[in-house]
Amino acid sequence: MELATGALGTLLPKLGQLLQDEYNLQKGAKKNIQFLTRELQSIQAALRSVGELQPDQVGELVKIWACDARELSYDMEDIVDTFLVRV
């Protein structure tokens, strides 16, 4: 089954950019961004694994989760893009 990983491929580098660039991040933001990056990497790996399965091997709950994760990745990318433009 071909499940796209959504915006995770472009979102993860943007989060890395936030850490590398000299933004005036609030105290603790760097740690939270690092945590979010690790979590998104895990989600991306899970989506890739699901994407390698045949459609009949994927349960309905997993299909719903994958769709939700993909859509949320687009929302997160929009938020990060807005932040990068405003800073």
PDB file of N, CA and C in Angstrom:
ATOM      1  N   MET A   1       0.841  -1.179   0.000  1.00  0.00           N
ATOM      2  CA  MET A   1       0.000   0.000   0.000  1.00  0.00           C
ATOM      3  C   MET A   1       0.880   1.234   0.000  1.00  0.00           C
ATOM      4  N   GLU A   2       0.566   2.151  -0.853  1.00  0.00           N
ATOM      5  CA  GLU A   2       1.372   3.358  -0.996  1.00  0.00           C
ATOM      6  C   GLU A   2       0.793   4.474  -0.139  1.00  0.00           C
ATOM      7  N   LEU A   3       1.282   4.601   1.087  1.00  0.00           N
ATOM      8  CA  LEU A   3       0.831   5.681   1.969  1.00  0.00           C
ATOM      9  C   LEU A   3       1.908   6.746   2.009  1.00  0.00           C
ATOM     10  N   ALA A   4       1.552   7.915   1.530  1.00  0.00           N
ATOM     11  CA  ALA A   4       2.518   9.016   1.540  1.00  0.00           C
ATOM     12  C   ALA A   4       2.789   9.439   2.971  1.00  0.00           C
ATOM     13  N   THR A   5       3.984   9.893   3.195  1.00  0.00           N
ATOM     14  CA  THR A   5       4.355  10.363   4.532  1.00  0.00           C
ATOM     15  C   THR A   5       4.014  11.836   4.711  1.00  0.00           C
ATOM     16  N   GLY A   6       3.245  12.366   3.795  1.00  0.00           N
ATOM     17  CA  GLY A   6       2.818  13.759   3.930  1.00  0.00           C
ATOM     18  C   GLY A   6       3.987  14.709   3.857  1.00  0.00           C
ATOM     19  N   ALA A   7       3.969  15.679   4.714  1.00  0.00           N
ATOM     20  CA  ALA A   7       4.992  16.722   4.711  1.00  0.00           C
ATOM     21  C   ALA A   7       6.157  16.394   5.624  1.00  0.00           C
ATOM     22  N   LEU A   8       6.196  15.180   6.171  1.00  0.00           N
ATOM     23  CA  LEU A   8       7.262  14.846   7.115  1.00  0.00           C
ATOM     24  C   LEU A   8       8.643  14.990   6.485  1.00  0.00           C
ATOM     25  N   GLY A   9       8.769  14.664   5.220  1.00  0.00           N
ATOM     26  CA  GLY A   9      10.063  14.767   4.550  1.00  0.00           C
ATOM     27  C   GLY A   9      10.594  16.185   4.496  1.00  0.00           C
ATOM     28  N   THR A  10       9.703  17.160   4.412  1.00  0.00           N
ATOM     29  CA  THR A  10      10.149  18.557   4.380  1.00  0.00           C
ATOM     30  C   THR A  10      10.038  19.228   5.748  1.00  0.00           C
ATOM     31  N   LEU A  11       9.168  18.702   6.605  1.00  0.00           N
ATOM     32  CA  LEU A  11       8.993  19.282   7.935  1.00  0.00           C
ATOM     33  C   LEU A  11      10.200  19.038   8.826  1.00  0.00           C
ATOM     34  N   LEU A  12      10.746  17.841   8.790  1.00  0.00           N
ATOM     35  CA  LEU A  12      11.879  17.513   9.658  1.00  0.00           C
ATOM     36  C   LEU A  12      13.088  18.413   9.407  1.00  0.00           C
ATOM     37  N   PRO A  13      13.472  18.660   8.153  1.00  0.00           N
ATOM     38  CA  PRO A  13      14.594  19.591   7.941  1.00  0.00           C
ATOM     39  C   PRO A  13      14.297  21.005   8.432  1.00  0.00           C
ATOM     40  N   LYS A  14      13.041  21.431   8.339  1.00  0.00           N
ATOM     41  CA  LYS A  14      12.694  22.775   8.821  1.00  0.00           C
ATOM     42  C   LYS A  14      12.840  22.869  10.331  1.00  0.00           C
ATOM     43  N   LEU A  15      12.477  21.810  11.032  1.00  0.00           N
ATOM     44  CA  LEU A  15      12.675  21.805  12.478  1.00  0.00           C
ATOM     45  C   LEU A  15      14.160  21.840  12.805  1.00  0.00           C
ATOM     46  N   GLY A  16      14.956  21.129  12.019  1.00  0.00           N
ATOM     47  CA  GLY A  16      16.406  21.180  12.195  1.00  0.00           C
ATOM     48  C   GLY A  16      16.939  22.574  11.962  1.00  0.00           C
ATOM     49  N   GLN A  17      16.364  23.264  10.988  1.00  0.00           N
ATOM     50  CA  GLN A  17      16.783  24.634  10.698  1.00  0.00           C
ATOM     51  C   GLN A  17      16.497  25.544  11.885  1.00  0.00           C
ATOM     52  N   LEU A  18      15.358  25.322  12.533  1.00  0.00           N
ATOM     53  CA  LEU A  18      15.039  26.119  13.721  1.00  0.00           C
ATOM     54  C   LEU A  18      16.106  25.965  14.796  1.00  0.00           C
ATOM     55  N   LEU A  19      16.620  24.752  14.925  1.00  0.00           N
ATOM     56  CA  LEU A  19      17.633  24.499  15.948  1.00  0.00           C
ATOM     57  C   LEU A  19      18.980  25.100  15.565  1.00  0.00           C
ATOM     58  N   GLN A  20      19.313  25.082  14.272  1.00  0.00           N
ATOM     59  CA  GLN A  20      20.630  25.540  13.832  1.00  0.00           C
ATOM     60  C   GLN A  20      20.706  27.058  13.714  1.00  0.00           C
ATOM     61  N   ASP A  21      19.634  27.672  13.238  1.00  0.00           N
ATOM     62  CA  ASP A  21      19.643  29.116  13.059  1.00  0.00           C
ATOM     63  C   ASP A  21      19.568  29.808  14.416  1.00  0.00           C
ATOM     64  N   GLU A  22      19.910  31.048  14.411  1.00  0.00           N
ATOM     65  CA  GLU A  22      19.976  31.793  15.670  1.00  0.00           C
ATOM     66  C   GLU A  22      18.651  32.502  15.962  1.00  0.00           C
ATOM     67  N   TYR A  23      17.641  31.713  16.240  1.00  0.00           N
ATOM     68  CA  TYR A  23      16.360  32.287  16.626  1.00  0.00           C
ATOM     69  C   TYR A  23      16.357  32.491  18.131  1.00  0.00           C
ATOM     70  N   ASN A  24      15.666  33.527  18.558  1.00  0.00           N
ATOM     71  CA  ASN A  24      15.507  33.770  19.986  1.00  0.00           C
ATOM     72  C   ASN A  24      14.365  32.888  20.477  1.00  0.00           C
ATOM     73  N   LEU A  25      14.678  31.643  20.726  1.00  0.00           N
ATOM     74  CA  LEU A  25      13.666  30.696  21.162  1.00  0.00           C
ATOM     75  C   LEU A  25      13.448  30.834  22.661  1.00  0.00           C
ATOM     76  N   GLN A  26      12.215  30.636  23.072  1.00  0.00           N
ATOM     77  CA  GLN A  26      11.911  30.683  24.492  1.00  0.00           C
ATOM     78  C   GLN A  26      12.653  29.564  25.201  1.00  0.00           C
ATOM     79  N   LYS A  27      12.866  29.772  26.495  1.00  0.00           N
ATOM     80  CA  LYS A  27      13.571  28.780  27.292  1.00  0.00           C
ATOM     81  C   LYS A  27      12.867  27.424  27.167  1.00  0.00           C
ATOM     82  N   GLY A  28      13.605  26.410  26.877  1.00  0.00           N
ATOM     83  CA  GLY A  28      13.058  25.059  26.757  1.00  0.00           C
ATOM     84  C   GLY A  28      12.566  24.716  25.365  1.00  0.00           C
ATOM     85  N   ALA A  29      12.486  25.700  24.461  1.00  0.00           N
ATOM     86  CA  ALA A  29      11.966  25.433  23.124  1.00  0.00           C
ATOM     87  C   ALA A  29      12.877  24.484  22.356  1.00  0.00           C
ATOM     88  N   LYS A  30      14.186  24.652  22.525  1.00  0.00           N
ATOM     89  CA  LYS A  30      15.127  23.788  21.807  1.00  0.00           C
ATOM     90  C   LYS A  30      14.909  22.328  22.197  1.00  0.00           C
ATOM     91  N   LYS A  31      14.740  22.077  23.474  1.00  0.00           N
ATOM     92  CA  LYS A  31      14.513  20.713  23.947  1.00  0.00           C
ATOM     93  C   LYS A  31      13.199  20.160  23.384  1.00  0.00           C
ATOM     94  N   ASN A  32      12.160  20.997  23.343  1.00  0.00           N
ATOM     95  CA  ASN A  32      10.870  20.568  22.809  1.00  0.00           C
ATOM     96  C   ASN A  32      10.940  20.289  21.310  1.00  0.00           C
ATOM     97  N   ILE A  33      11.693  21.097  20.587  1.00  0.00           N
ATOM     98  CA  ILE A  33      11.854  20.879  19.149  1.00  0.00           C
ATOM     99  C   ILE A  33      12.597  19.573  18.903  1.00  0.00           C
ATOM    100  N   GLN A  34      13.614  19.296  19.700  1.00  0.00           N
ATOM    101  CA  GLN A  34      14.349  18.043  19.562  1.00  0.00           C
ATOM    102  C   GLN A  34      13.442  16.842  19.844  1.00  0.00           C
ATOM    103  N   PHE A  35      12.605  16.945  20.865  1.00  0.00           N
ATOM    104  CA  PHE A  35      11.668  15.876  21.188  1.00  0.00           C
ATOM    105  C   PHE A  35      10.679  15.667  20.046  1.00  0.00           C
ATOM    106  N   LEU A  36      10.127  16.763  19.527  1.00  0.00           N
ATOM    107  CA  LEU A  36       9.173  16.686  18.420  1.00  0.00           C
ATOM    108  C   LEU A  36       9.824  16.066  17.184  1.00  0.00           C
ATOM    109  N   THR A  37      11.059  16.424  16.919  1.00  0.00           N
ATOM    110  CA  THR A  37      11.773  15.864  15.774  1.00  0.00           C
ATOM    111  C   THR A  37      11.911  14.356  15.906  1.00  0.00           C
ATOM    112  N   ARG A  38      12.280  13.877  17.084  1.00  0.00           N
ATOM    113  CA  ARG A  38      12.410  12.426  17.298  1.00  0.00           C
ATOM    114  C   ARG A  38      11.068  11.719  17.118  1.00  0.00           C
ATOM    115  N   GLU A  39      10.010  12.314  17.646  1.00  0.00           N
ATOM    116  CA  GLU A  39       8.681  11.719  17.518  1.00  0.00           C
ATOM    117  C   GLU A  39       8.247  11.662  16.054  1.00  0.00           C
ATOM    118  N   LEU A  40       8.487  12.734  15.304  1.00  0.00           N
ATOM    119  CA  LEU A  40       8.107  12.763  13.893  1.00  0.00           C
ATOM    120  C   LEU A  40       8.932  11.786  13.066  1.00  0.00           C
ATOM    121  N   GLN A  41      10.186  11.594  13.435  1.00  0.00           N
ATOM    122  CA  GLN A  41      11.002  10.595  12.748  1.00  0.00           C
ATOM    123  C   GLN A  41      10.436   9.197  12.965  1.00  0.00           C
ATOM    124  N   SER A  42       9.942   8.924  14.167  1.00  0.00           N
ATOM    125  CA  SER A  42       9.320   7.629  14.452  1.00  0.00           C
ATOM    126  C   SER A  42       8.037   7.452  13.642  1.00  0.00           C
ATOM    127  N   ILE A  43       7.251   8.498  13.560  1.00  0.00           N
ATOM    128  CA  ILE A  43       6.014   8.438  12.782  1.00  0.00           C
ATOM    129  C   ILE A  43       6.331   8.218  11.309  1.00  0.00           C
ATOM    130  N   GLN A  44       7.336   8.915  10.807  1.00  0.00           N
ATOM    131  CA  GLN A  44       7.723   8.761   9.411  1.00  0.00           C
ATOM    132  C   GLN A  44       8.175   7.327   9.130  1.00  0.00           C
ATOM    133  N   ALA A  45       8.939   6.746  10.028  1.00  0.00           N
ATOM    134  CA  ALA A  45       9.383   5.360   9.857  1.00  0.00           C
ATOM    135  C   ALA A  45       8.191   4.404   9.866  1.00  0.00           C
ATOM    136  N   ALA A  46       7.229   4.643  10.757  1.00  0.00           N
ATOM    137  CA  ALA A  46       6.041   3.789  10.813  1.00  0.00           C
ATOM    138  C   ALA A  46       5.226   3.908   9.531  1.00  0.00           C
ATOM    139  N   LEU A  47       5.077   5.121   9.018  1.00  0.00           N
ATOM    140  CA  LEU A  47       4.330   5.317   7.777  1.00  0.00           C
ATOM    141  C   LEU A  47       5.017   4.640   6.598  1.00  0.00           C
ATOM    142  N   ARG A  48       6.329   4.692   6.581  1.00  0.00           N
ATOM    143  CA  ARG A  48       7.058   4.003   5.505  1.00  0.00           C
ATOM    144  C   ARG A  48       6.839   2.497   5.588  1.00  0.00           C
ATOM    145  N   SER A  49       6.864   1.946   6.804  1.00  0.00           N
ATOM    146  CA  SER A  49       6.639   0.504   6.980  1.00  0.00           C
ATOM    147  C   SER A  49       5.241   0.108   6.528  1.00  0.00           C
ATOM    148  N   VAL A  50       4.264   0.903   6.890  1.00  0.00           N
ATOM    149  CA  VAL A  50       2.883   0.627   6.473  1.00  0.00           C
ATOM    150  C   VAL A  50       2.765   0.735   4.952  1.00  0.00           C
ATOM    151  N   GLY A  51       3.457   1.701   4.380  1.00  0.00           N
ATOM    152  CA  GLY A  51       3.412   1.910   2.935  1.00  0.00           C
ATOM    153  C   GLY A  51       3.970   0.743   2.143  1.00  0.00           C
ATOM    154  N   GLU A  52       4.791  -0.078   2.771  1.00  0.00           N
ATOM    155  CA  GLU A  52       5.372  -1.236   2.090  1.00  0.00           C
ATOM    156  C   GLU A  52       4.433  -2.441   2.082  1.00  0.00           C
ATOM    157  N   LEU A  53       3.360  -2.394   2.852  1.00  0.00           N
ATOM    158  CA  LEU A  53       2.422  -3.505   2.942  1.00  0.00           C
ATOM    159  C   LEU A  53       1.402  -3.452   1.808  1.00  0.00           C
ATOM    160  N   GLN A  54       0.815  -4.605   1.522  1.00  0.00           N
ATOM    161  CA  GLN A  54      -0.273  -4.680   0.561  1.00  0.00           C
ATOM    162  C   GLN A  54      -1.527  -4.095   1.211  1.00  0.00           C
ATOM    163  N   PRO A  55      -2.423  -3.496   0.427  1.00  0.00           N
ATOM    164  CA  PRO A  55      -3.624  -2.871   1.007  1.00  0.00           C
ATOM    165  C   PRO A  55      -4.447  -3.817   1.887  1.00  0.00           C
ATOM    166  N   ASP A  56      -4.502  -5.089   1.523  1.00  0.00           N
ATOM    167  CA  ASP A  56      -5.304  -6.023   2.318  1.00  0.00           C
ATOM    168  C   ASP A  56      -4.617  -6.433   3.626  1.00  0.00           C
ATOM    169  N   GLN A  57      -3.360  -6.058   3.795  1.00  0.00           N
ATOM    170  CA  GLN A  57      -2.625  -6.375   5.018  1.00  0.00           C
ATOM    171  C   GLN A  57      -2.713  -5.253   6.055  1.00  0.00           C
ATOM    172  N   VAL A  58      -3.318  -4.147   5.672  1.00  0.00           N
ATOM    173  CA  VAL A  58      -3.387  -2.989   6.559  1.00  0.00           C
ATOM    174  C   VAL A  58      -4.791  -2.877   7.130  1.00  0.00           C
ATOM    175  N   GLY A  59      -4.882  -2.838   8.442  1.00  0.00           N
ATOM    176  CA  GLY A  59      -6.168  -2.719   9.108  1.00  0.00           C
ATOM    177  C   GLY A  59      -6.767  -1.332   8.953  1.00  0.00           C
ATOM    178  N   GLU A  60      -8.055  -1.259   9.161  1.00  0.00           N
ATOM    179  CA  GLU A  60      -8.777   0.008   9.012  1.00  0.00           C
ATOM    180  C   GLU A  60      -8.263   1.071   9.983  1.00  0.00           C
ATOM    181  N   LEU A  61      -7.973   0.669  11.199  1.00  0.00           N
ATOM    182  CA  LEU A  61      -7.468   1.614  12.203  1.00  0.00           C
ATOM    183  C   LEU A  61      -6.117   2.198  11.779  1.00  0.00           C
ATOM    184  N   VAL A  62      -5.257   1.371  11.217  1.00  0.00           N
ATOM    185  CA  VAL A  62      -3.948   1.845  10.757  1.00  0.00           C
ATOM    186  C   VAL A  62      -4.115   2.807   9.587  1.00  0.00           C
ATOM    187  N   LYS A  63      -5.057   2.521   8.690  1.00  0.00           N
ATOM    188  CA  LYS A  63      -5.316   3.423   7.559  1.00  0.00           C
ATOM    189  C   LYS A  63      -5.777   4.790   8.055  1.00  0.00           C
ATOM    190  N   ILE A  64      -6.656   4.784   9.061  1.00  0.00           N
ATOM    191  CA  ILE A  64      -7.145   6.045   9.616  1.00  0.00           C
ATOM    192  C   ILE A  64      -6.003   6.800  10.291  1.00  0.00           C
ATOM    193  N   TRP A  65      -5.185   6.085  11.082  1.00  0.00           N
ATOM    194  CA  TRP A  65      -4.052   6.715  11.753  1.00  0.00           C
ATOM    195  C   TRP A  65      -3.084   7.316  10.734  1.00  0.00           C
ATOM    196  N   ALA A  66      -2.789   6.576   9.674  1.00  0.00           N
ATOM    197  CA  ALA A  66      -1.849   7.059   8.663  1.00  0.00           C
ATOM    198  C   ALA A  66      -2.382   8.312   7.977  1.00  0.00           C
ATOM    199  N   CYS A  67      -3.660   8.317   7.667  1.00  0.00           N
ATOM    200  CA  CYS A  67      -4.275   9.490   7.034  1.00  0.00           C
ATOM    201  C   CYS A  67      -4.219  10.693   7.976  1.00  0.00           C
ATOM    202  N   ASP A  68      -4.557  10.477   9.246  1.00  0.00           N
ATOM    203  CA  ASP A  68      -4.508  11.567  10.223  1.00  0.00           C
ATOM    204  C   ASP A  68      -3.086  12.096  10.399  1.00  0.00           C
ATOM    205  N   ALA A  69      -2.111  11.196  10.476  1.00  0.00           N
ATOM    206  CA  ALA A  69      -0.710  11.600  10.645  1.00  0.00           C
ATOM    207  C   ALA A  69      -0.241  12.413   9.444  1.00  0.00           C
ATOM    208  N   ARG A  70      -0.631  11.990   8.258  1.00  0.00           N
ATOM    209  CA  ARG A  70      -0.242  12.708   7.038  1.00  0.00           C
ATOM    210  C   ARG A  70      -0.844  14.112   7.037  1.00  0.00           C
ATOM    211  N   GLU A  71      -2.135  14.220   7.350  1.00  0.00           N
ATOM    212  CA  GLU A  71      -2.795  15.519   7.360  1.00  0.00           C
ATOM    213  C   GLU A  71      -2.209  16.444   8.436  1.00  0.00           C
ATOM    214  N   LEU A  72      -1.921  15.888   9.596  1.00  0.00           N
ATOM    215  CA  LEU A  72      -1.310  16.689  10.656  1.00  0.00           C
ATOM    216  C   LEU A  72       0.076  17.191  10.261  1.00  0.00           C
ATOM    217  N   SER A  73       0.790  16.393   9.486  1.00  0.00           N
ATOM    218  CA  SER A  73       2.126  16.828   9.060  1.00  0.00           C
ATOM    219  C   SER A  73       2.035  18.066   8.177  1.00  0.00           C
ATOM    220  N   TYR A  74       0.989  18.138   7.338  1.00  0.00           N
ATOM    221  CA  TYR A  74       0.791  19.335   6.513  1.00  0.00           C
ATOM    222  C   TYR A  74       0.467  20.546   7.390  1.00  0.00           C
ATOM    223  N   ASP A  75      -0.380  20.346   8.391  1.00  0.00           N
ATOM    224  CA  ASP A  75      -0.713  21.441   9.308  1.00  0.00           C
ATOM    225  C   ASP A  75       0.530  21.930  10.050  1.00  0.00           C
ATOM    226  N   MET A  76       1.347  20.994  10.527  1.00  0.00           N
ATOM    227  CA  MET A  76       2.569  21.368  11.245  1.00  0.00           C
ATOM    228  C   MET A  76       3.527  22.120  10.347  1.00  0.00           C
ATOM    229  N   GLU A  77       3.638  21.683   9.103  1.00  0.00           N
ATOM    230  CA  GLU A  77       4.541  22.367   8.182  1.00  0.00           C
ATOM    231  C   GLU A  77       4.072  23.797   7.948  1.00  0.00           C
ATOM    232  N   ASP A  78       2.761  23.992   7.809  1.00  0.00           N
ATOM    233  CA  ASP A  78       2.229  25.350   7.635  1.00  0.00           C
ATOM    234  C   ASP A  78       2.566  26.231   8.831  1.00  0.00           C
ATOM    235  N   ILE A  79       2.447  25.696  10.023  1.00  0.00           N
ATOM    236  CA  ILE A  79       2.743  26.459  11.243  1.00  0.00           C
ATOM    237  C   ILE A  79       4.226  26.819  11.309  1.00  0.00           C
ATOM    238  N   VAL A  80       5.095  25.870  11.002  1.00  0.00           N
ATOM    239  CA  VAL A  80       6.538  26.137  11.019  1.00  0.00           C
ATOM    240  C   VAL A  80       6.890  27.166   9.948  1.00  0.00           C
ATOM    241  N   ASP A  81       6.291  27.040   8.752  1.00  0.00           N
ATOM    242  CA  ASP A  81       6.541  28.021   7.685  1.00  0.00           C
ATOM    243  C   ASP A  81       6.131  29.423   8.128  1.00  0.00           C
ATOM    244  N   THR A  82       4.963  29.531   8.772  1.00  0.00           N
ATOM    245  CA  THR A  82       4.492  30.824   9.258  1.00  0.00           C
ATOM    246  C   THR A  82       5.475  31.393  10.288  1.00  0.00           C
ATOM    247  N   PHE A  83       5.949  30.556  11.168  1.00  0.00           N
ATOM    248  CA  PHE A  83       6.916  31.001  12.171  1.00  0.00           C
ATOM    249  C   PHE A  83       8.207  31.488  11.511  1.00  0.00           C
ATOM    250  N   LEU A  84       8.708  30.718  10.548  1.00  0.00           N
ATOM    251  CA  LEU A  84       9.951  31.091   9.881  1.00  0.00           C
ATOM    252  C   LEU A  84       9.814  32.421   9.139  1.00  0.00           C
ATOM    253  N   VAL A  85       8.665  32.678   8.560  1.00  0.00           N
ATOM    254  CA  VAL A  85       8.447  33.932   7.838  1.00  0.00           C
ATOM    255  C   VAL A  85       8.374  35.103   8.818  1.00  0.00           C
ATOM    256  N   ARG A  86       7.720  34.900   9.938  1.00  0.00           N
ATOM    257  CA  ARG A  86       7.538  35.990  10.910  1.00  0.00           C
ATOM    258  C   ARG A  86       8.801  36.322  11.679  1.00  0.00           C
ATOM    259  N   VAL A  87       9.693  35.354  11.829  1.00  0.00           N
ATOM    260  CA  VAL A  87      10.902  35.621  12.587  1.00  0.00           C
ATOM    261  C   VAL A  87      11.867  36.182  11.629  1.00  0.00           C
TER     262      VAL A  87
END
